[in-house]
Amino acid sequence: MNRKLVGIGLALACVVALGSCKPKQSAYKSVYESAKERELEENATASTTVSKPATAVPSYTAESVRKEKVTPVYDSDASGLKAYSVVIAAMAMKPGAESLKQRMENEGYNIILARNDQGMFRVIIASYDSKEQAVAKKNEILAKFRGLGDASTLKNKYGIPFDDWWILQREY
């Protein structure tokens, strides 16, 4: 009899315990819905607000750079490697870097191959003494390539992503 009462008591306790738990989804859902409402309100307010025209900020100020000590792979590239370079690819294997160099030179670009201290090859499409010049050239070349097709078409043709170009600041 005691066992039967204990069993019934445990079953009743389980039913009460499980029945009193509310699903957590409703709490998450209400938070999500209130955040969505706030976002809609902010967008509605922003679209009706008249703002002053934005002042043009040169794009080179926000451009980040990576600093590395690099040396040209070929002596003929030494004079072309300046303080700031536009890197279109970083490769671990020299044959891949040379293949990309050849494809881009076929498009009319003077490509420089450089190697950093860790042995990575940097495929450089332009190199300048100032960051401003390098960023401007990067943006100019990217705009030209984007005019030729979408990102997947360009990646298939050249084998590199066109959203991952970066500026290298050469350390000596």
Protein backbone atom coordinates (compact mmCIF):
# COMPACT_ATOMS: atom_id res chain seq x y z
CA MET A 1 0.00 0.00 0.00
CA ASN A 2 2.83 2.39 0.88
CA ARG A 3 4.49 1.70 -2.43
CA LYS A 4 1.27 2.41 -4.22
CA LEU A 5 0.87 5.74 -2.42
CA VAL A 6 4.47 6.69 -3.11
CA GLY A 7 4.01 5.84 -6.81
CA ILE A 8 0.81 7.87 -7.03
CA GLY A 9 2.51 10.74 -5.19
CA LEU A 10 5.46 10.73 -7.58
CA ALA A 11 3.17 10.60 -10.61
CA LEU A 12 1.13 13.49 -9.24
CA ALA A 13 4.29 15.48 -8.50
CA CYS A 14 5.52 14.93 -12.08
CA VAL A 15 2.18 16.06 -13.54
CA VAL A 16 2.21 19.20 -11.39
CA ALA A 17 5.86 19.95 -12.13
CA LEU A 18 5.50 19.48 -15.88
CA GLY A 19 2.15 21.21 -16.05
CA SER A 20 3.41 24.35 -14.34
CA CYS A 21 6.24 24.94 -16.82
CA LYS A 22 5.34 27.43 -19.51
CA PRO A 23 7.13 27.11 -22.80
CA LYS A 24 10.07 29.48 -23.06
CA GLN A 25 9.22 30.15 -26.67
CA SER A 26 6.49 32.59 -25.68
CA ALA A 27 8.96 34.71 -23.70
CA TYR A 28 11.39 34.78 -26.62
CA LYS A 29 8.58 35.48 -29.04
CA SER A 30 7.34 38.48 -27.07
CA VAL A 31 10.87 39.95 -26.85
CA TYR A 32 11.35 39.39 -30.59
CA GLU A 33 8.02 41.00 -31.44
CA SER A 34 8.69 44.06 -29.28
CA ALA A 35 12.14 44.49 -30.84
CA LYS A 36 10.60 44.19 -34.31
CA GLU A 37 8.01 46.86 -33.41
CA ARG A 38 10.75 49.21 -32.17
CA GLU A 39 12.71 48.66 -35.38
CA LEU A 40 9.65 49.46 -37.50
CA GLU A 41 8.99 52.60 -35.46
CA GLU A 42 12.63 53.73 -35.83
CA ASN A 43 12.53 53.12 -39.58
CA ALA A 44 9.29 55.06 -39.91
CA THR A 45 10.74 57.95 -37.90
CA ALA A 46 13.99 57.90 -39.88
CA SER A 47 12.19 57.96 -43.22
CA THR A 48 10.09 61.01 -42.25
CA THR A 49 12.98 62.93 -40.75
CA VAL A 50 14.74 65.33 -43.08
CA SER A 51 18.46 65.22 -42.58
CA LYS A 52 21.31 67.39 -43.73
CA PRO A 53 23.26 66.14 -46.71
CA ALA A 54 26.17 63.99 -45.65
CA THR A 55 29.59 65.49 -45.97
CA ALA A 56 31.75 63.46 -48.30
CA VAL A 57 34.46 61.72 -46.33
CA PRO A 58 37.38 60.41 -48.35
CA SER A 59 37.16 56.62 -48.42
CA TYR A 60 40.84 56.17 -47.62
CA THR A 61 40.41 57.43 -44.06
CA ALA A 62 38.36 54.41 -43.03
CA GLU A 63 40.39 51.87 -44.98
CA SER A 64 42.33 49.56 -42.72
CA VAL A 65 45.76 48.29 -43.59
CA ARG A 66 47.80 45.23 -42.69
CA LYS A 67 51.42 45.80 -41.90
CA GLU A 68 53.95 43.22 -43.04
CA LYS A 69 57.55 42.95 -43.97
CA VAL A 70 57.54 41.75 -47.58
CA THR A 71 60.18 41.32 -50.22
CA PRO A 72 59.67 41.05 -53.97
CA VAL A 73 59.86 37.52 -55.34
CA TYR A 74 61.52 38.76 -58.53
CA ASP A 75 64.27 41.38 -58.65
CA SER A 76 62.49 43.06 -61.56
CA ASP A 77 59.59 43.90 -59.19
CA ALA A 78 61.79 45.57 -56.56
CA SER A 79 61.43 49.10 -57.94
CA GLY A 80 57.65 48.74 -58.22
CA LEU A 81 57.05 47.65 -54.63
CA LYS A 82 56.20 50.80 -52.66
CA ALA A 83 54.97 51.56 -49.13
CA TYR A 84 51.25 50.80 -49.75
CA SER A 85 50.07 48.00 -52.01
CA VAL A 86 46.71 46.65 -53.15
CA VAL A 87 46.73 42.90 -52.45
CA ILE A 88 44.26 40.88 -54.48
CA ALA A 89 45.25 37.45 -53.14
CA ALA A 90 47.41 35.77 -50.52
CA MET A 91 48.64 32.31 -51.43
CA ALA A 92 50.76 29.71 -49.74
CA MET A 93 52.05 28.14 -52.96
CA LYS A 94 54.16 29.99 -55.53
CA PRO A 95 52.66 28.23 -58.59
CA GLY A 96 49.18 29.46 -57.69
CA ALA A 97 50.45 33.01 -57.20
CA GLU A 98 52.31 32.88 -60.51
CA SER A 99 49.22 31.56 -62.30
CA LEU A 100 47.10 34.44 -60.97
CA LYS A 101 49.88 36.88 -61.88
CA GLN A 102 49.80 35.61 -65.46
CA ARG A 103 45.98 35.81 -65.73
CA MET A 104 45.95 39.38 -64.42
CA GLU A 105 48.87 40.43 -66.65
CA ASN A 106 46.85 39.09 -69.60
CA GLU A 107 44.21 41.66 -68.55
CA GLY A 108 46.83 44.41 -68.79
CA TYR A 109 47.87 44.77 -65.13
CA ASN A 110 51.47 44.89 -63.94
CA ILE A 111 51.41 42.38 -61.08
CA ILE A 112 54.04 42.19 -58.35
CA LEU A 113 54.63 39.03 -56.34
CA ALA A 114 55.93 39.59 -52.84
CA ARG A 115 56.62 37.18 -50.00
CA ASN A 116 56.23 37.85 -46.30
CA ASP A 117 58.29 36.47 -43.41
CA GLN A 118 55.88 33.54 -42.95
CA GLY A 119 56.37 32.45 -46.56
CA MET A 120 52.98 33.60 -47.87
CA PHE A 121 52.88 35.05 -51.37
CA ARG A 122 51.09 38.38 -51.83
CA VAL A 123 49.71 39.06 -55.31
CA ILE A 124 49.84 42.85 -55.69
CA ILE A 125 47.95 44.67 -58.43
CA ALA A 126 49.14 48.21 -57.60
CA SER A 127 51.67 49.82 -55.28
CA TYR A 128 52.06 53.45 -54.21
CA ASP A 129 53.91 55.68 -51.77
CA SER A 130 50.68 56.87 -50.10
CA LYS A 131 47.73 55.07 -48.60
CA GLU A 132 45.34 57.46 -50.35
CA GLN A 133 46.67 56.52 -53.79
CA ALA A 134 46.51 52.79 -53.02
CA VAL A 135 42.92 52.97 -51.76
CA ALA A 136 41.82 55.09 -54.73
CA LYS A 137 43.37 52.61 -57.17
CA LYS A 138 41.83 49.65 -55.33
CA ASN A 139 38.37 51.22 -55.56
CA GLU A 140 38.89 52.15 -59.23
CA ILE A 141 39.96 48.64 -60.25
CA LEU A 142 37.20 46.97 -58.21
CA ALA A 143 34.58 49.21 -59.83
CA LYS A 144 35.90 48.23 -63.25
CA PHE A 145 35.73 44.51 -62.44
CA ARG A 146 32.28 44.79 -60.89
CA GLY A 147 31.11 46.32 -64.15
CA LEU A 148 32.15 43.10 -65.90
CA GLY A 149 29.82 40.80 -63.97
CA ASP A 150 28.66 39.51 -60.63
CA ALA A 151 30.96 38.20 -57.91
CA SER A 152 30.53 34.50 -58.74
CA THR A 153 31.28 35.06 -62.44
CA LEU A 154 34.42 37.01 -61.59
CA LYS A 155 35.54 34.40 -59.06
CA ASN A 156 35.05 31.65 -61.63
CA LYS A 157 37.03 33.57 -64.24
CA TYR A 158 39.93 34.76 -62.07
CA GLY A 159 39.84 32.34 -59.14
CA ILE A 160 39.83 35.04 -56.47
CA PRO A 161 37.07 36.69 -54.42
CA PHE A 162 36.65 40.35 -55.32
CA ASP A 163 35.39 41.26 -51.85
CA ASP A 164 38.60 40.37 -50.06
CA TRP A 165 41.13 42.82 -51.50
CA TRP A 166 43.15 44.71 -48.92
CA ILE A 167 45.86 47.32 -48.45
CA LEU A 168 49.31 46.18 -47.34
CA GLN A 169 51.58 48.65 -45.59
CA ARG A 170 55.12 47.53 -46.16
CA GLU A 171 57.42 47.40 -43.16
CA TYR A 172 61.13 47.63 -43.76
